[in-house]
Amino acid sequence: MRKYRCLHDIIESLLKALLLGEKGITELCLSANIPVDRGRRIIEYLINYGLIFKYEKDGKVYYKIGERGYEWLGIYRKLKELLPLV
């Protein structure tokens, strides 16, 4: 049976991928194992809340994790530790 991920698990995957360094949209979505079109919507959501930052270098757009992204990851990991649902 296929296991579906909730939005929070996808956000965790995106932020964990950015822990390794800045990435472009395609590389970021491949690391998080989500389609690019869905990734774009979620990434814009994360930018609006200050979890990640978007910047341009040499004509290419990159993303990197922000301070709030580190905080979110820490809180989410602690929550998963306290409430193991699966």
N, C-alpha and C. Protein backbone atom coordinates (compact mmCIF):
# COMPACT_ATOMS: atom_id res chain seq x y z
N MET A 1 0.84 -1.17 0.00
CA MET A 1 0.00 0.00 0.00
C MET A 1 0.89 1.25 0.00
N ARG A 2 0.47 2.26 -0.71
CA ARG A 2 1.24 3.49 -0.86
C ARG A 2 1.08 4.37 0.37
N LYS A 3 2.20 4.90 0.85
CA LYS A 3 2.15 5.80 2.00
C LYS A 3 2.15 7.24 1.49
N TYR A 4 1.14 7.99 1.87
CA TYR A 4 1.04 9.38 1.47
C TYR A 4 1.66 10.27 2.54
N ARG A 5 2.27 11.35 2.09
CA ARG A 5 2.86 12.30 3.03
C ARG A 5 1.96 13.51 3.17
N CYS A 6 1.88 14.01 4.38
CA CYS A 6 1.12 15.24 4.60
C CYS A 6 2.02 16.43 4.23
N LEU A 7 1.43 17.60 4.21
CA LEU A 7 2.15 18.81 3.85
C LEU A 7 3.36 19.02 4.75
N HIS A 8 3.21 18.73 6.03
CA HIS A 8 4.31 18.94 6.97
C HIS A 8 5.50 18.02 6.68
N ASP A 9 5.22 16.79 6.26
CA ASP A 9 6.31 15.88 5.90
C ASP A 9 7.03 16.35 4.64
N ILE A 10 6.29 16.91 3.69
CA ILE A 10 6.90 17.44 2.48
C ILE A 10 7.76 18.66 2.80
N ILE A 11 7.25 19.53 3.67
CA ILE A 11 8.03 20.71 4.10
C ILE A 11 9.31 20.25 4.79
N GLU A 12 9.20 19.23 5.62
CA GLU A 12 10.39 18.69 6.28
C GLU A 12 11.40 18.19 5.25
N SER A 13 10.95 17.50 4.23
CA SER A 13 11.84 17.00 3.18
C SER A 13 12.54 18.14 2.45
N LEU A 14 11.78 19.19 2.14
CA LEU A 14 12.37 20.35 1.45
C LEU A 14 13.43 21.03 2.32
N LEU A 15 13.11 21.25 3.59
CA LEU A 15 14.05 21.93 4.48
C LEU A 15 15.29 21.07 4.73
N LYS A 16 15.10 19.76 4.87
CA LYS A 16 16.25 18.88 5.07
C LYS A 16 17.16 18.88 3.85
N ALA A 17 16.56 18.98 2.67
CA ALA A 17 17.37 19.05 1.45
C ALA A 17 18.20 20.33 1.43
N LEU A 18 17.64 21.41 1.95
CA LEU A 18 18.35 22.69 1.97
C LEU A 18 19.40 22.75 3.08
N LEU A 19 19.36 21.83 4.02
CA LEU A 19 20.39 21.79 5.06
C LEU A 19 21.76 21.50 4.45
N LEU A 20 21.77 20.81 3.31
CA LEU A 20 23.03 20.45 2.66
C LEU A 20 23.60 21.58 1.82
N GLY A 21 22.84 22.66 1.67
CA GLY A 21 23.31 23.81 0.91
C GLY A 21 22.25 24.33 -0.03
N GLU A 22 22.57 25.42 -0.71
CA GLU A 22 21.62 26.04 -1.63
C GLU A 22 21.34 25.13 -2.82
N LYS A 23 20.13 25.23 -3.34
CA LYS A 23 19.73 24.38 -4.46
C LYS A 23 18.81 25.16 -5.39
N GLY A 24 18.80 24.74 -6.64
CA GLY A 24 17.84 25.25 -7.60
C GLY A 24 16.52 24.50 -7.43
N ILE A 25 15.49 24.94 -8.14
CA ILE A 25 14.15 24.37 -7.97
C ILE A 25 14.12 22.88 -8.34
N THR A 26 14.75 22.50 -9.43
CA THR A 26 14.69 21.10 -9.87
C THR A 26 15.42 20.19 -8.90
N GLU A 27 16.60 20.58 -8.51
CA GLU A 27 17.38 19.76 -7.58
C GLU A 27 16.68 19.65 -6.23
N LEU A 28 16.07 20.76 -5.79
CA LEU A 28 15.36 20.76 -4.51
C LEU A 28 14.17 19.82 -4.55
N CYS A 29 13.39 19.88 -5.62
CA CYS A 29 12.21 19.02 -5.73
C CYS A 29 12.60 17.55 -5.89
N LEU A 30 13.68 17.28 -6.61
CA LEU A 30 14.16 15.90 -6.73
C LEU A 30 14.61 15.35 -5.37
N SER A 31 15.29 16.19 -4.59
CA SER A 31 15.74 15.78 -3.26
C SER A 31 14.57 15.48 -2.34
N ALA A 32 13.49 16.25 -2.47
CA ALA A 32 12.31 16.07 -1.63
C ALA A 32 11.33 15.05 -2.21
N ASN A 33 11.62 14.58 -3.43
CA ASN A 33 10.78 13.58 -4.10
C ASN A 33 9.35 14.07 -4.34
N ILE A 34 9.25 15.28 -4.90
CA ILE A 34 7.95 15.84 -5.27
C ILE A 34 8.05 16.43 -6.67
N PRO A 35 6.92 16.51 -7.39
CA PRO A 35 6.95 17.13 -8.72
C PRO A 35 7.25 18.63 -8.62
N VAL A 36 7.88 19.16 -9.65
CA VAL A 36 8.30 20.57 -9.63
C VAL A 36 7.10 21.51 -9.53
N ASP A 37 6.00 21.21 -10.22
CA ASP A 37 4.85 22.12 -10.16
C ASP A 37 4.28 22.21 -8.75
N ARG A 38 4.19 21.11 -8.04
CA ARG A 38 3.74 21.13 -6.65
C ARG A 38 4.79 21.78 -5.76
N GLY A 39 6.05 21.52 -6.07
CA GLY A 39 7.14 22.10 -5.29
C GLY A 39 7.14 23.61 -5.36
N ARG A 40 6.86 24.17 -6.53
CA ARG A 40 6.82 25.63 -6.68
C ARG A 40 5.80 26.27 -5.74
N ARG A 41 4.61 25.66 -5.65
CA ARG A 41 3.57 26.22 -4.77
C ARG A 41 4.00 26.16 -3.31
N ILE A 42 4.56 25.04 -2.90
CA ILE A 42 4.97 24.88 -1.51
C ILE A 42 6.14 25.79 -1.19
N ILE A 43 7.07 25.93 -2.12
CA ILE A 43 8.23 26.79 -1.91
C ILE A 43 7.81 28.25 -1.77
N GLU A 44 6.85 28.69 -2.57
CA GLU A 44 6.35 30.07 -2.43
C GLU A 44 5.71 30.26 -1.05
N TYR A 45 5.00 29.26 -0.59
CA TYR A 45 4.41 29.28 0.75
C TYR A 45 5.51 29.43 1.81
N LEU A 46 6.59 28.68 1.67
CA LEU A 46 7.69 28.73 2.63
C LEU A 46 8.42 30.07 2.58
N ILE A 47 8.53 30.65 1.39
CA ILE A 47 9.16 31.97 1.25
C ILE A 47 8.31 33.02 1.96
N ASN A 48 7.00 32.95 1.77
CA ASN A 48 6.10 33.93 2.40
C ASN A 48 6.19 33.90 3.92
N TYR A 49 6.46 32.75 4.50
CA TYR A 49 6.57 32.64 5.95
C TYR A 49 8.01 32.75 6.46
N GLY A 50 8.94 33.00 5.57
CA GLY A 50 10.33 33.24 5.97
C GLY A 50 11.11 31.99 6.34
N LEU A 51 10.64 30.83 5.93
CA LEU A 51 11.36 29.59 6.23
C LEU A 51 12.53 29.38 5.27
N ILE A 52 12.37 29.82 4.04
CA ILE A 52 13.46 29.75 3.07
C ILE A 52 13.56 31.09 2.34
N PHE A 53 14.69 31.29 1.68
CA PHE A 53 14.94 32.52 0.93
C PHE A 53 15.28 32.19 -0.51
N LYS A 54 14.86 33.08 -1.39
CA LYS A 54 15.10 32.93 -2.82
C LYS A 54 16.05 34.04 -3.23
N TYR A 55 17.07 33.71 -4.02
CA TYR A 55 17.96 34.72 -4.53
C TYR A 55 18.48 34.29 -5.90
N GLU A 56 19.00 35.24 -6.63
CA GLU A 56 19.49 34.98 -7.98
C GLU A 56 21.00 35.16 -8.03
N LYS A 57 21.66 34.20 -8.68
CA LYS A 57 23.11 34.26 -8.84
C LYS A 57 23.44 33.79 -10.25
N ASP A 58 24.12 34.60 -10.99
CA ASP A 58 24.50 34.30 -12.37
C ASP A 58 23.29 33.95 -13.25
N GLY A 59 22.18 34.63 -13.02
CA GLY A 59 20.98 34.43 -13.84
C GLY A 59 20.16 33.21 -13.46
N LYS A 60 20.54 32.51 -12.42
CA LYS A 60 19.80 31.32 -11.98
C LYS A 60 19.26 31.55 -10.57
N VAL A 61 18.06 31.04 -10.30
CA VAL A 61 17.41 31.22 -9.00
C VAL A 61 17.80 30.06 -8.07
N TYR A 62 18.21 30.42 -6.86
CA TYR A 62 18.57 29.44 -5.85
C TYR A 62 17.73 29.67 -4.60
N TYR A 63 17.66 28.63 -3.79
CA TYR A 63 16.93 28.70 -2.52
C TYR A 63 17.87 28.26 -1.41
N LYS A 64 17.70 28.90 -0.24
CA LYS A 64 18.47 28.47 0.93
C LYS A 64 17.57 28.58 2.16
N ILE A 65 17.89 27.81 3.16
CA ILE A 65 17.08 27.77 4.38
C ILE A 65 17.37 29.01 5.22
N GLY A 66 16.34 29.52 5.87
CA GLY A 66 16.48 30.68 6.75
C GLY A 66 16.46 30.26 8.21
N GLU A 67 16.64 31.23 9.08
CA GLU A 67 16.66 30.95 10.52
C GLU A 67 15.35 30.32 10.98
N ARG A 68 14.23 30.84 10.48
CA ARG A 68 12.93 30.27 10.85
C ARG A 68 12.78 28.83 10.34
N GLY A 69 13.43 28.52 9.25
CA GLY A 69 13.41 27.15 8.73
C GLY A 69 14.10 26.19 9.67
N TYR A 70 15.24 26.62 10.23
CA TYR A 70 15.94 25.80 11.22
C TYR A 70 15.07 25.59 12.46
N GLU A 71 14.42 26.66 12.90
CA GLU A 71 13.54 26.56 14.06
C GLU A 71 12.38 25.60 13.79
N TRP A 72 11.77 25.73 12.61
CA TRP A 72 10.64 24.87 12.25
C TRP A 72 11.06 23.40 12.26
N LEU A 73 12.22 23.11 11.68
CA LEU A 73 12.71 21.73 11.66
C LEU A 73 12.91 21.18 13.06
N GLY A 74 13.51 21.97 13.94
CA GLY A 74 13.73 21.53 15.32
C GLY A 74 12.43 21.25 16.04
N ILE A 75 11.47 22.14 15.88
CA ILE A 75 10.17 21.95 16.54
C ILE A 75 9.45 20.74 15.97
N TYR A 76 9.48 20.57 14.65
CA TYR A 76 8.79 19.45 14.02
C TYR A 76 9.41 18.12 14.42
N ARG A 77 10.73 18.07 14.47
CA ARG A 77 11.40 16.83 14.90
C ARG A 77 11.03 16.49 16.35
N LYS A 78 11.00 17.51 17.21
CA LYS A 78 10.65 17.30 18.61
C LYS A 78 9.20 16.82 18.73
N LEU A 79 8.31 17.40 17.95
CA LEU A 79 6.91 16.99 17.94
C LEU A 79 6.75 15.55 17.49
N LYS A 80 7.47 15.17 16.45
CA LYS A 80 7.40 13.78 15.98
C LYS A 80 7.94 12.80 17.04
N GLU A 81 8.93 13.26 17.79
CA GLU A 81 9.51 12.45 18.85
C GLU A 81 8.52 12.27 20.00
N LEU A 82 7.80 13.34 20.33
CA LEU A 82 6.86 13.29 21.44
C LEU A 82 5.56 12.56 21.09
N LEU A 83 5.15 12.66 19.83
CA LEU A 83 3.89 12.05 19.39
C LEU A 83 4.12 11.11 18.21
N PRO A 84 4.74 9.98 18.44
CA PRO A 84 4.96 9.04 17.32
C PRO A 84 3.63 8.39 16.90
N LEU A 85 3.13 8.82 15.74
CA LEU A 85 1.83 8.31 15.29
C LEU A 85 1.95 7.05 14.46
N VAL A 86 3.09 6.82 13.87
CA VAL A 86 3.23 5.64 13.01
C VAL A 86 4.37 4.79 13.50
